[in-house]
Amino acid sequence: MYQNLQPGDSLFRKKGAIVHQGVYVIDGLVAHQGPLGIRIEPLEMFANGQQVWPRACPVPLTILLERLEQAVRDASPYNVISNNCEHLARFLQTGTRGSRQLAGSLAGGAIGLGLALANDHSPLEAAGFTCIGLFVGEYMARPRRRSVTR
């Protein structure tokens, strides 16, 4: 079961309008972070009834487990901007924290707002451009889908 997944691979699923990310550990277990903190759960629980798609990012198991232990030990409260599921996944995979999805959304929103203000649009139009920019930025930062083979 889950033969094609390697320790460190990213796993993604929809969570409302956003994408939730976890990291495959071993033996069908996924590490991920949400409002309840860092959790290590079976893939089925992580999926929460949604389709899961992976992105290969293998990490040697010993390094992954060391980083996971450090993340749990040094855990700070969940924060959608500075400490979300993507921050944990990136830390487990690279040793640094960050959120490509959040950065893409903020950059897209800033570009949309800048275009609206530079072209002398009304505040309502500027808000519309900003929302479109946020959507485009978030969409561009999403991984491309490939279903998990069980």
N, C-alpha and C. Protein backbone atom coordinates (compact mmCIF):
# COMPACT_ATOMS: atom_id res chain seq x y z
N MET A 1 0.84 -1.18 0.00
CA MET A 1 0.00 0.00 0.00
C MET A 1 0.89 1.25 0.00
N TYR A 2 0.56 2.22 -0.79
CA TYR A 2 1.31 3.48 -0.92
C TYR A 2 2.76 3.23 -1.35
N GLN A 3 2.95 2.27 -2.24
CA GLN A 3 4.29 1.88 -2.66
C GLN A 3 5.05 3.00 -3.36
N ASN A 4 4.33 3.89 -4.02
CA ASN A 4 5.00 4.93 -4.79
C ASN A 4 5.42 6.13 -3.94
N LEU A 5 5.02 6.19 -2.69
CA LEU A 5 5.37 7.33 -1.84
C LEU A 5 6.69 7.08 -1.12
N GLN A 6 7.49 8.12 -1.04
CA GLN A 6 8.78 8.06 -0.36
C GLN A 6 8.77 9.03 0.82
N PRO A 7 9.50 8.75 1.89
CA PRO A 7 9.58 9.72 2.99
C PRO A 7 9.98 11.10 2.46
N GLY A 8 9.22 12.11 2.88
CA GLY A 8 9.49 13.48 2.47
C GLY A 8 8.58 13.97 1.36
N ASP A 9 7.91 13.07 0.63
CA ASP A 9 7.03 13.51 -0.46
C ASP A 9 5.91 14.39 0.08
N SER A 10 5.61 15.44 -0.67
CA SER A 10 4.50 16.33 -0.31
C SER A 10 3.19 15.66 -0.69
N LEU A 11 2.19 15.83 0.15
CA LEU A 11 0.84 15.37 -0.14
C LEU A 11 -0.09 16.57 -0.02
N PHE A 12 -1.00 16.69 -0.97
CA PHE A 12 -1.91 17.83 -1.01
C PHE A 12 -3.34 17.36 -1.10
N ARG A 13 -4.24 18.15 -0.50
CA ARG A 13 -5.68 17.92 -0.66
C ARG A 13 -6.38 19.27 -0.55
N LYS A 14 -7.56 19.31 -1.12
CA LYS A 14 -8.34 20.53 -1.01
C LYS A 14 -8.85 20.70 0.42
N LYS A 15 -8.92 21.93 0.84
CA LYS A 15 -9.47 22.27 2.15
C LYS A 15 -10.22 23.59 1.94
N GLY A 16 -11.45 23.48 1.48
CA GLY A 16 -12.21 24.67 1.12
C GLY A 16 -11.61 25.30 -0.12
N ALA A 17 -11.30 26.59 -0.04
CA ALA A 17 -10.74 27.32 -1.18
C ALA A 17 -9.23 27.21 -1.26
N ILE A 18 -8.62 26.57 -0.29
CA ILE A 18 -7.15 26.48 -0.27
C ILE A 18 -6.71 25.02 -0.42
N VAL A 19 -5.42 24.81 -0.43
CA VAL A 19 -4.84 23.48 -0.51
C VAL A 19 -4.11 23.21 0.80
N HIS A 20 -4.40 22.05 1.39
CA HIS A 20 -3.73 21.64 2.63
C HIS A 20 -2.58 20.72 2.27
N GLN A 21 -1.45 20.90 2.95
CA GLN A 21 -0.24 20.13 2.63
C GLN A 21 0.25 19.35 3.83
N GLY A 22 0.68 18.14 3.55
CA GLY A 22 1.32 17.30 4.55
C GLY A 22 2.55 16.68 3.94
N VAL A 23 3.29 15.94 4.74
CA VAL A 23 4.50 15.27 4.29
C VAL A 23 4.40 13.79 4.66
N TYR A 24 4.61 12.95 3.65
CA TYR A 24 4.60 11.51 3.89
C TYR A 24 5.82 11.15 4.74
N VAL A 25 5.58 10.37 5.80
CA VAL A 25 6.67 9.97 6.69
C VAL A 25 7.10 8.54 6.34
N ILE A 26 6.27 7.57 6.71
CA ILE A 26 6.56 6.15 6.44
C ILE A 26 5.34 5.33 6.85
N ASP A 27 5.17 4.18 6.24
CA ASP A 27 4.11 3.23 6.60
C ASP A 27 2.72 3.86 6.60
N GLY A 28 2.43 4.70 5.61
CA GLY A 28 1.10 5.30 5.49
C GLY A 28 0.82 6.46 6.42
N LEU A 29 1.85 6.99 7.10
CA LEU A 29 1.67 8.10 8.03
C LEU A 29 2.06 9.43 7.39
N VAL A 30 1.31 10.47 7.73
CA VAL A 30 1.51 11.82 7.19
C VAL A 30 1.66 12.80 8.34
N ALA A 31 2.66 13.68 8.25
CA ALA A 31 2.82 14.77 9.22
C ALA A 31 2.25 16.02 8.59
N HIS A 32 1.42 16.74 9.35
CA HIS A 32 0.86 17.99 8.85
C HIS A 32 0.51 18.88 10.02
N GLN A 33 0.26 20.15 9.72
CA GLN A 33 -0.03 21.12 10.77
C GLN A 33 -1.33 21.85 10.46
N GLY A 34 -2.09 22.08 11.50
CA GLY A 34 -3.34 22.83 11.40
C GLY A 34 -3.59 23.53 12.72
N PRO A 35 -4.78 24.07 12.89
CA PRO A 35 -5.10 24.78 14.14
C PRO A 35 -4.92 23.94 15.41
N LEU A 36 -4.99 22.61 15.28
CA LEU A 36 -4.81 21.75 16.45
C LEU A 36 -3.34 21.39 16.68
N GLY A 37 -2.44 21.96 15.87
CA GLY A 37 -1.01 21.70 16.02
C GLY A 37 -0.49 20.71 15.02
N ILE A 38 0.71 20.21 15.28
CA ILE A 38 1.34 19.23 14.41
C ILE A 38 0.73 17.87 14.71
N ARG A 39 0.33 17.19 13.64
CA ARG A 39 -0.29 15.88 13.79
C ARG A 39 0.42 14.88 12.89
N ILE A 40 0.50 13.65 13.35
CA ILE A 40 1.02 12.54 12.55
C ILE A 40 -0.11 11.52 12.50
N GLU A 41 -0.69 11.36 11.30
CA GLU A 41 -1.90 10.57 11.16
C GLU A 41 -1.81 9.67 9.94
N PRO A 42 -2.65 8.62 9.91
CA PRO A 42 -2.73 7.81 8.69
C PRO A 42 -3.19 8.67 7.51
N LEU A 43 -2.74 8.30 6.32
CA LEU A 43 -3.08 9.03 5.11
C LEU A 43 -4.59 9.22 4.96
N GLU A 44 -5.37 8.21 5.33
CA GLU A 44 -6.83 8.32 5.21
C GLU A 44 -7.38 9.46 6.07
N MET A 45 -6.82 9.64 7.26
CA MET A 45 -7.28 10.74 8.13
C MET A 45 -6.84 12.08 7.56
N PHE A 46 -5.60 12.15 7.05
CA PHE A 46 -5.13 13.37 6.42
C PHE A 46 -6.03 13.73 5.24
N ALA A 47 -6.39 12.73 4.42
CA ALA A 47 -7.21 12.97 3.23
C ALA A 47 -8.57 13.56 3.59
N ASN A 48 -9.12 13.15 4.71
CA ASN A 48 -10.41 13.68 5.17
C ASN A 48 -11.49 13.57 4.08
N GLY A 49 -11.49 12.43 3.37
CA GLY A 49 -12.49 12.20 2.33
C GLY A 49 -12.20 12.88 1.00
N GLN A 50 -11.08 13.58 0.89
CA GLN A 50 -10.72 14.29 -0.34
C GLN A 50 -9.68 13.48 -1.12
N GLN A 51 -9.59 13.75 -2.42
CA GLN A 51 -8.52 13.16 -3.23
C GLN A 51 -7.20 13.77 -2.79
N VAL A 52 -6.19 12.95 -2.70
CA VAL A 52 -4.85 13.39 -2.31
C VAL A 52 -3.93 13.24 -3.52
N TRP A 53 -3.13 14.25 -3.77
CA TRP A 53 -2.15 14.14 -4.84
C TRP A 53 -0.77 14.48 -4.31
N PRO A 54 0.24 13.72 -4.76
CA PRO A 54 1.60 13.88 -4.25
C PRO A 54 2.50 14.71 -5.16
N ARG A 55 3.59 15.15 -4.59
CA ARG A 55 4.70 15.74 -5.36
C ARG A 55 5.97 15.15 -4.74
N ALA A 56 6.77 14.54 -5.57
CA ALA A 56 7.99 13.88 -5.10
C ALA A 56 8.95 14.91 -4.50
N CYS A 57 9.41 14.62 -3.31
CA CYS A 57 10.41 15.45 -2.64
C CYS A 57 11.08 14.57 -1.60
N PRO A 58 11.70 13.47 -2.05
CA PRO A 58 12.25 12.52 -1.07
C PRO A 58 13.32 13.14 -0.18
N VAL A 59 13.25 12.76 1.07
CA VAL A 59 14.21 13.20 2.08
C VAL A 59 14.66 11.93 2.81
N PRO A 60 15.95 11.77 3.08
CA PRO A 60 16.37 10.60 3.86
C PRO A 60 15.57 10.50 5.16
N LEU A 61 15.09 9.31 5.45
CA LEU A 61 14.21 9.12 6.60
C LEU A 61 14.82 9.63 7.90
N THR A 62 16.10 9.40 8.13
CA THR A 62 16.72 9.85 9.38
C THR A 62 16.66 11.38 9.50
N ILE A 63 16.90 12.08 8.40
CA ILE A 63 16.84 13.55 8.43
C ILE A 63 15.40 14.01 8.64
N LEU A 64 14.46 13.38 7.93
CA LEU A 64 13.04 13.73 8.08
C LEU A 64 12.60 13.55 9.53
N LEU A 65 12.95 12.44 10.14
CA LEU A 65 12.54 12.18 11.53
C LEU A 65 13.20 13.15 12.51
N GLU A 66 14.46 13.51 12.26
CA GLU A 66 15.13 14.51 13.12
C GLU A 66 14.41 15.85 13.03
N ARG A 67 14.06 16.27 11.81
CA ARG A 67 13.37 17.56 11.62
C ARG A 67 11.97 17.51 12.22
N LEU A 68 11.29 16.37 12.09
CA LEU A 68 9.95 16.24 12.67
C LEU A 68 10.03 16.32 14.20
N GLU A 69 11.00 15.66 14.78
CA GLU A 69 11.19 15.73 16.24
C GLU A 69 11.46 17.17 16.67
N GLN A 70 12.31 17.88 15.92
CA GLN A 70 12.60 19.27 16.24
C GLN A 70 11.35 20.15 16.10
N ALA A 71 10.58 19.92 15.05
CA ALA A 71 9.36 20.71 14.83
C ALA A 71 8.36 20.51 15.96
N VAL A 72 8.20 19.28 16.41
CA VAL A 72 7.28 18.98 17.52
C VAL A 72 7.81 19.60 18.81
N ARG A 73 9.09 19.45 19.05
CA ARG A 73 9.71 19.98 20.28
C ARG A 73 9.61 21.51 20.34
N ASP A 74 9.86 22.18 19.20
CA ASP A 74 9.89 23.64 19.16
C ASP A 74 8.59 24.24 18.64
N ALA A 75 7.51 23.48 18.66
CA ALA A 75 6.26 23.92 18.05
C ALA A 75 5.76 25.23 18.64
N SER A 76 5.34 26.11 17.74
CA SER A 76 4.67 27.35 18.14
C SER A 76 3.25 27.28 17.62
N PRO A 77 2.35 28.08 18.16
CA PRO A 77 0.94 27.99 17.76
C PRO A 77 0.74 28.20 16.26
N TYR A 78 -0.25 27.51 15.73
CA TYR A 78 -0.62 27.65 14.32
C TYR A 78 -0.98 29.10 14.02
N ASN A 79 -0.52 29.57 12.88
CA ASN A 79 -0.85 30.91 12.41
C ASN A 79 -0.93 30.83 10.90
N VAL A 80 -2.06 31.22 10.33
CA VAL A 80 -2.28 31.08 8.89
C VAL A 80 -1.23 31.81 8.06
N ILE A 81 -0.62 32.86 8.60
CA ILE A 81 0.36 33.64 7.85
C ILE A 81 1.79 33.19 8.13
N SER A 82 2.12 32.92 9.38
CA SER A 82 3.53 32.67 9.70
C SER A 82 3.86 31.25 10.16
N ASN A 83 2.86 30.40 10.36
CA ASN A 83 3.13 29.04 10.84
C ASN A 83 1.99 28.11 10.43
N ASN A 84 1.90 27.84 9.12
CA ASN A 84 0.81 27.01 8.62
C ASN A 84 1.33 25.67 8.12
N CYS A 85 0.47 24.90 7.47
CA CYS A 85 0.84 23.56 7.02
C CYS A 85 2.01 23.58 6.04
N GLU A 86 2.06 24.59 5.19
CA GLU A 86 3.15 24.66 4.21
C GLU A 86 4.48 25.01 4.87
N HIS A 87 4.45 25.80 5.93
CA HIS A 87 5.68 26.11 6.67
C HIS A 87 6.28 24.82 7.25
N LEU A 88 5.42 23.99 7.85
CA LEU A 88 5.91 22.73 8.41
C LEU A 88 6.46 21.83 7.31
N ALA A 89 5.73 21.69 6.21
CA ALA A 89 6.17 20.81 5.13
C ALA A 89 7.52 21.26 4.58
N ARG A 90 7.67 22.54 4.36
CA ARG A 90 8.94 23.03 3.82
C ARG A 90 10.09 22.78 4.81
N PHE A 91 9.80 22.98 6.10
CA PHE A 91 10.84 22.73 7.11
C PHE A 91 11.25 21.26 7.10
N LEU A 92 10.27 20.36 7.06
CA LEU A 92 10.60 18.94 7.07
C LEU A 92 11.40 18.54 5.83
N GLN A 93 11.13 19.19 4.71
CA GLN A 93 11.80 18.82 3.46
C GLN A 93 13.14 19.52 3.24
N THR A 94 13.27 20.76 3.71
CA THR A 94 14.47 21.54 3.39
C THR A 94 15.23 22.06 4.60
N GLY A 95 14.60 22.06 5.76
CA GLY A 95 15.23 22.63 6.95
C GLY A 95 14.96 24.12 7.11
N THR A 96 14.21 24.72 6.17
CA THR A 96 13.82 26.13 6.28
C THR A 96 12.30 26.23 6.19
N ARG A 97 11.76 27.31 6.73
CA ARG A 97 10.30 27.50 6.71
C ARG A 97 9.91 28.49 5.63
N GLY A 98 8.69 28.36 5.12
CA GLY A 98 8.17 29.29 4.13
C GLY A 98 6.86 28.75 3.57
N SER A 99 6.14 29.62 2.85
CA SER A 99 4.86 29.24 2.26
C SER A 99 4.76 29.83 0.86
N ARG A 100 4.96 28.99 -0.14
CA ARG A 100 4.86 29.42 -1.54
C ARG A 100 3.44 29.85 -1.88
N GLN A 101 2.45 29.12 -1.37
CA GLN A 101 1.05 29.44 -1.64
C GLN A 101 0.70 30.83 -1.09
N LEU A 102 1.12 31.10 0.14
CA LEU A 102 0.85 32.40 0.75
C LEU A 102 1.60 33.50 0.03
N ALA A 103 2.86 33.27 -0.30
CA ALA A 103 3.66 34.27 -1.01
C ALA A 103 3.04 34.59 -2.37
N GLY A 104 2.59 33.55 -3.08
CA GLY A 104 1.96 33.76 -4.38
C GLY A 104 0.68 34.56 -4.27
N SER A 105 -0.12 34.25 -3.26
CA SER A 105 -1.37 34.99 -3.05
C SER A 105 -1.11 36.45 -2.73
N LEU A 106 -0.17 36.70 -1.83
CA LEU A 106 0.14 38.08 -1.46
C LEU A 106 0.73 38.86 -2.62
N ALA A 107 1.61 38.21 -3.39
CA ALA A 107 2.19 38.89 -4.56
C ALA A 107 1.12 39.19 -5.59
N GLY A 108 0.26 38.23 -5.85
CA GLY A 108 -0.84 38.45 -6.82
C GLY A 108 -1.76 39.57 -6.36
N GLY A 109 -2.09 39.59 -5.07
CA GLY A 109 -2.94 40.66 -4.53
C GLY A 109 -2.29 42.01 -4.64
N ALA A 110 -1.00 42.08 -4.35
CA ALA A 110 -0.27 43.35 -4.44
C ALA A 110 -0.22 43.85 -5.88
N ILE A 111 0.00 42.93 -6.83
CA ILE A 111 0.02 43.32 -8.24
C ILE A 111 -1.35 43.82 -8.67
N GLY A 112 -2.40 43.10 -8.28
CA GLY A 112 -3.76 43.54 -8.62
C GLY A 112 -4.08 44.90 -8.05
N LEU A 113 -3.72 45.14 -6.80
CA LEU A 113 -3.97 46.42 -6.16
C LEU A 113 -3.16 47.52 -6.85
N GLY A 114 -1.88 47.22 -7.13
CA GLY A 114 -1.03 48.21 -7.81
C GLY A 114 -1.57 48.59 -9.17
N LEU A 115 -2.02 47.61 -9.95
CA LEU A 115 -2.59 47.91 -11.27
C LEU A 115 -3.84 48.76 -11.14
N ALA A 116 -4.68 48.43 -10.18
CA ALA A 116 -5.92 49.19 -10.01
C ALA A 116 -5.63 50.64 -9.61
N LEU A 117 -4.72 50.84 -8.67
CA LEU A 117 -4.41 52.20 -8.21
C LEU A 117 -3.66 53.00 -9.27
N ALA A 118 -2.77 52.34 -10.01
CA ALA A 118 -2.00 53.03 -11.05
C ALA A 118 -2.89 53.51 -12.19
N ASN A 119 -3.99 52.84 -12.41
CA ASN A 119 -4.89 53.20 -13.51
C ASN A 119 -6.11 53.97 -13.02
N ASP A 120 -6.01 54.53 -11.81
CA ASP A 120 -7.04 55.42 -11.27
C ASP A 120 -8.43 54.79 -11.22
N HIS A 121 -8.50 53.57 -10.69
CA HIS A 121 -9.78 52.89 -10.52
C HIS A 121 -10.38 53.26 -9.17
N SER A 122 -11.69 53.07 -9.04
CA SER A 122 -12.38 53.34 -7.79
C SER A 122 -11.94 52.33 -6.73
N PRO A 123 -12.19 52.61 -5.44
CA PRO A 123 -11.84 51.64 -4.39
C PRO A 123 -12.50 50.28 -4.60
N LEU A 124 -13.74 50.26 -5.09
CA LEU A 124 -14.41 48.99 -5.33
C LEU A 124 -13.72 48.21 -6.44
N GLU A 125 -13.33 48.90 -7.51
CA GLU A 125 -12.61 48.24 -8.60
C GLU A 125 -11.24 47.76 -8.12
N ALA A 126 -10.58 48.57 -7.29
CA ALA A 126 -9.28 48.19 -6.74
C ALA A 126 -9.42 46.91 -5.91
N ALA A 127 -10.49 46.82 -5.12
CA ALA A 127 -10.73 45.61 -4.33
C ALA A 127 -10.94 44.41 -5.24
N GLY A 128 -11.66 44.60 -6.33
CA GLY A 128 -11.88 43.52 -7.30
C GLY A 128 -10.58 43.05 -7.92
N PHE A 129 -9.73 44.02 -8.34
CA PHE A 129 -8.43 43.66 -8.92
C PHE A 129 -7.58 42.91 -7.89
N THR A 130 -7.64 43.35 -6.63
CA THR A 130 -6.87 42.70 -5.58
C THR A 130 -7.34 41.26 -5.39
N CYS A 131 -8.65 41.03 -5.36
CA CYS A 131 -9.19 39.67 -5.20
C CYS A 131 -8.79 38.79 -6.37
N ILE A 132 -8.85 39.32 -7.58
CA ILE A 132 -8.44 38.55 -8.76
C ILE A 132 -6.96 38.21 -8.64
N GLY A 133 -6.16 39.18 -8.23
CA GLY A 133 -4.72 38.94 -8.05
C GLY A 133 -4.44 37.89 -7.01
N LEU A 134 -5.18 37.92 -5.89
CA LEU A 134 -5.02 36.91 -4.84
C LEU A 134 -5.34 35.52 -5.38
N PHE A 135 -6.44 35.44 -6.13
CA PHE A 135 -6.85 34.15 -6.69
C PHE A 135 -5.80 33.64 -7.68
N VAL A 136 -5.35 34.48 -8.59
CA VAL A 136 -4.36 34.06 -9.58
C VAL A 136 -3.05 33.65 -8.90
N GLY A 137 -2.60 34.44 -7.94
CA GLY A 137 -1.37 34.11 -7.22
C GLY A 137 -1.47 32.79 -6.50
N GLU A 138 -2.59 32.54 -5.84
CA GLU A 138 -2.79 31.29 -5.12
C GLU A 138 -2.88 30.12 -6.10
N TYR A 139 -3.57 30.33 -7.22
CA TYR A 139 -3.71 29.27 -8.23
C TYR A 139 -2.35 28.91 -8.83
N MET A 140 -1.54 29.91 -9.14
CA MET A 140 -0.24 29.66 -9.75
C MET A 140 0.71 28.94 -8.79
N ALA A 141 0.53 29.11 -7.49
CA ALA A 141 1.41 28.47 -6.51
C ALA A 141 1.00 27.03 -6.21
N ARG A 142 -0.18 26.62 -6.67
CA ARG A 142 -0.65 25.26 -6.40
C ARG A 142 0.16 24.24 -7.17
N PRO A 143 0.36 23.07 -6.56
CA PRO A 143 1.05 22.00 -7.28
C PRO A 143 0.14 21.41 -8.34
N ARG A 144 0.71 20.82 -9.34
CA ARG A 144 -0.07 20.13 -10.37
C ARG A 144 -0.43 18.75 -9.85
N ARG A 145 -1.63 18.28 -10.20
CA ARG A 145 -2.17 17.05 -9.62
C ARG A 145 -1.65 15.78 -10.26
N ARG A 146 -1.48 14.80 -9.41
CA ARG A 146 -1.15 13.43 -9.81
C ARG A 146 -1.68 12.58 -8.65
N SER A 147 -2.65 11.72 -8.91
CA SER A 147 -3.29 10.95 -7.85
C SER A 147 -2.33 9.95 -7.21
N VAL A 148 -2.57 9.67 -5.93
CA VAL A 148 -1.81 8.65 -5.21
C VAL A 148 -2.26 7.29 -5.69
N THR A 149 -1.32 6.41 -6.00
CA THR A 149 -1.63 5.03 -6.36
C THR A 149 -1.52 4.19 -5.11
N ARG A 150 -2.56 3.47 -4.84
CA ARG A 150 -2.57 2.65 -3.62
C ARG A 150 -2.24 1.23 -3.94
